[in-house]
């Protein structure tokens, strides 16, 4: 590894995010009721998120997680789906144009 600090920072960030998602489930479960189709969608979301952050057998670089984060914030703010997808792609593309891997 050329830069183990980046790998460790990525692992810590993903670990903290995974912990937050898993912790929020039981906490919010008592407050929110999802229909069955939404439950199956949420179960698949974790796999999709991890797939979005990898390329080949390694971490895809910080541009892709930044795009996922931008899309997540917009989705949380209840932006239309098309806006979420386009913003996530735009953030990733702009960062890559600026030289961020």
Protein backbone atom coordinates (compact mmCIF):
# COMPACT_ATOMS: atom_id res chain seq x y z
CA UNK A 1 0.00 0.00 0.00
CA UNK A 2 1.30 3.40 -0.91
CA UNK A 3 -0.82 5.34 1.55
CA UNK A 4 -2.14 3.32 4.45
CA UNK A 5 -3.54 6.46 6.09
CA UNK A 6 -6.13 6.80 3.34
CA UNK A 7 -7.12 3.15 3.68
CA UNK A 8 -7.45 3.43 7.45
CA UNK A 9 -9.47 6.65 7.14
CA UNK A 10 -11.79 4.95 4.63
CA UNK A 11 -12.24 1.94 6.87
CA UNK A 12 -12.99 4.11 9.89
CA UNK A 13 -15.48 6.21 7.92
CA UNK A 14 -17.30 3.19 6.54
CA UNK A 15 -17.25 1.55 9.98
CA UNK A 16 -18.76 4.62 11.62
CA UNK A 17 -21.41 4.87 8.90
CA UNK A 18 -22.28 1.19 9.21
CA UNK A 19 -22.54 1.51 12.98
CA UNK A 20 -24.79 4.57 12.64
CA UNK A 21 -27.07 2.76 10.19
CA UNK A 22 -27.28 -0.32 12.39
CA UNK A 23 -27.82 1.71 15.56
CA UNK A 24 -30.52 3.87 13.99
CA UNK A 25 -32.52 0.81 12.93
CA UNK A 26 -33.65 -0.32 16.37
CA UNK A 27 -34.03 3.28 17.55
CA UNK A 28 -36.19 4.37 14.63
CA UNK A 29 -38.04 1.05 14.31
CA UNK A 30 -40.31 1.96 17.18
CA UNK A 31 -41.14 5.35 15.62
CA UNK A 32 -41.53 4.41 11.97
CA UNK A 33 -43.56 1.73 10.22
CA UNK A 34 -42.55 0.75 6.70
CA UNK A 35 -44.64 -1.22 4.24
CA UNK A 36 -43.26 -4.66 3.30
CA UNK A 37 -41.94 -3.49 -0.08
CA UNK A 38 -39.95 -0.73 1.63
CA UNK A 39 -38.43 -3.19 4.09
CA UNK A 40 -37.07 -5.34 1.26
CA UNK A 41 -35.77 -2.21 -0.48
CA UNK A 42 -33.96 -1.06 2.67
CA UNK A 43 -32.35 -4.46 3.11
CA UNK A 44 -30.92 -4.26 -0.40
CA UNK A 45 -29.75 -0.67 0.11
CA UNK A 46 -26.75 -1.68 2.23
CA UNK A 47 -25.45 -3.99 -0.49
CA UNK A 48 -26.00 -1.34 -3.16
CA UNK A 49 -24.18 1.28 -1.09
CA UNK A 50 -21.14 -0.91 -0.52
CA UNK A 51 -21.08 -1.87 -4.19
CA UNK A 52 -21.21 1.80 -5.18
CA UNK A 53 -18.11 2.52 -3.12
CA UNK A 54 -15.90 -0.19 -4.63
CA UNK A 55 -14.26 -0.61 -8.00
CA UNK A 56 -12.85 -3.98 -8.88
CA UNK A 57 -11.39 -5.35 -5.65
CA UNK A 58 -10.57 -2.07 -3.96
CA UNK A 59 -11.85 1.25 -2.75
CA UNK A 60 -13.00 3.51 -5.59
CA UNK A 61 -11.48 6.68 -4.15
CA UNK A 62 -13.05 9.62 -2.30
CA UNK A 63 -14.93 11.07 -5.31
CA UNK A 64 -17.50 8.29 -5.41
CA UNK A 65 -18.35 8.36 -1.67
CA UNK A 66 -18.68 12.15 -1.92
CA UNK A 67 -21.23 11.66 -4.70
CA UNK A 68 -23.08 9.05 -2.65
CA UNK A 69 -23.07 11.43 0.33
CA UNK A 70 -24.45 14.28 -1.80
CA UNK A 71 -27.18 12.00 -3.13
CA UNK A 72 -27.96 10.77 0.37
CA UNK A 73 -28.32 14.29 1.72
CA UNK A 74 -30.64 15.25 -1.13
CA UNK A 75 -32.70 12.09 -0.65
CA UNK A 76 -32.94 12.85 3.06
CA UNK A 77 -34.15 16.36 2.18
CA UNK A 78 -36.82 14.67 0.01
CA UNK A 79 -35.50 15.88 -3.33
CA UNK A 80 -36.94 14.20 -6.43
CA UNK A 81 -35.22 10.96 -7.40
CA UNK A 82 -33.91 12.34 -10.68
CA UNK A 83 -32.32 15.29 -8.86
CA UNK A 84 -30.69 12.92 -6.35
CA UNK A 85 -29.17 10.74 -9.06
CA UNK A 86 -28.01 13.64 -11.23
CA UNK A 87 -26.50 15.52 -8.27
CA UNK A 88 -24.63 12.43 -7.08
CA UNK A 89 -23.25 11.84 -10.56
CA UNK A 90 -22.36 15.53 -10.97
CA UNK A 91 -20.48 15.71 -7.67
CA UNK A 92 -18.49 12.60 -8.53
CA UNK A 93 -17.76 13.85 -12.05
CA UNK A 94 -16.66 17.31 -10.92
CA UNK A 95 -14.37 15.87 -8.25
CA UNK A 96 -12.81 13.55 -10.80
CA UNK A 97 -12.33 16.41 -13.23
CA UNK A 98 -10.50 18.25 -10.44
CA UNK A 99 -8.17 15.27 -10.07
CA UNK A 100 -9.72 13.57 -7.04
CA UNK A 101 -9.64 9.78 -7.67
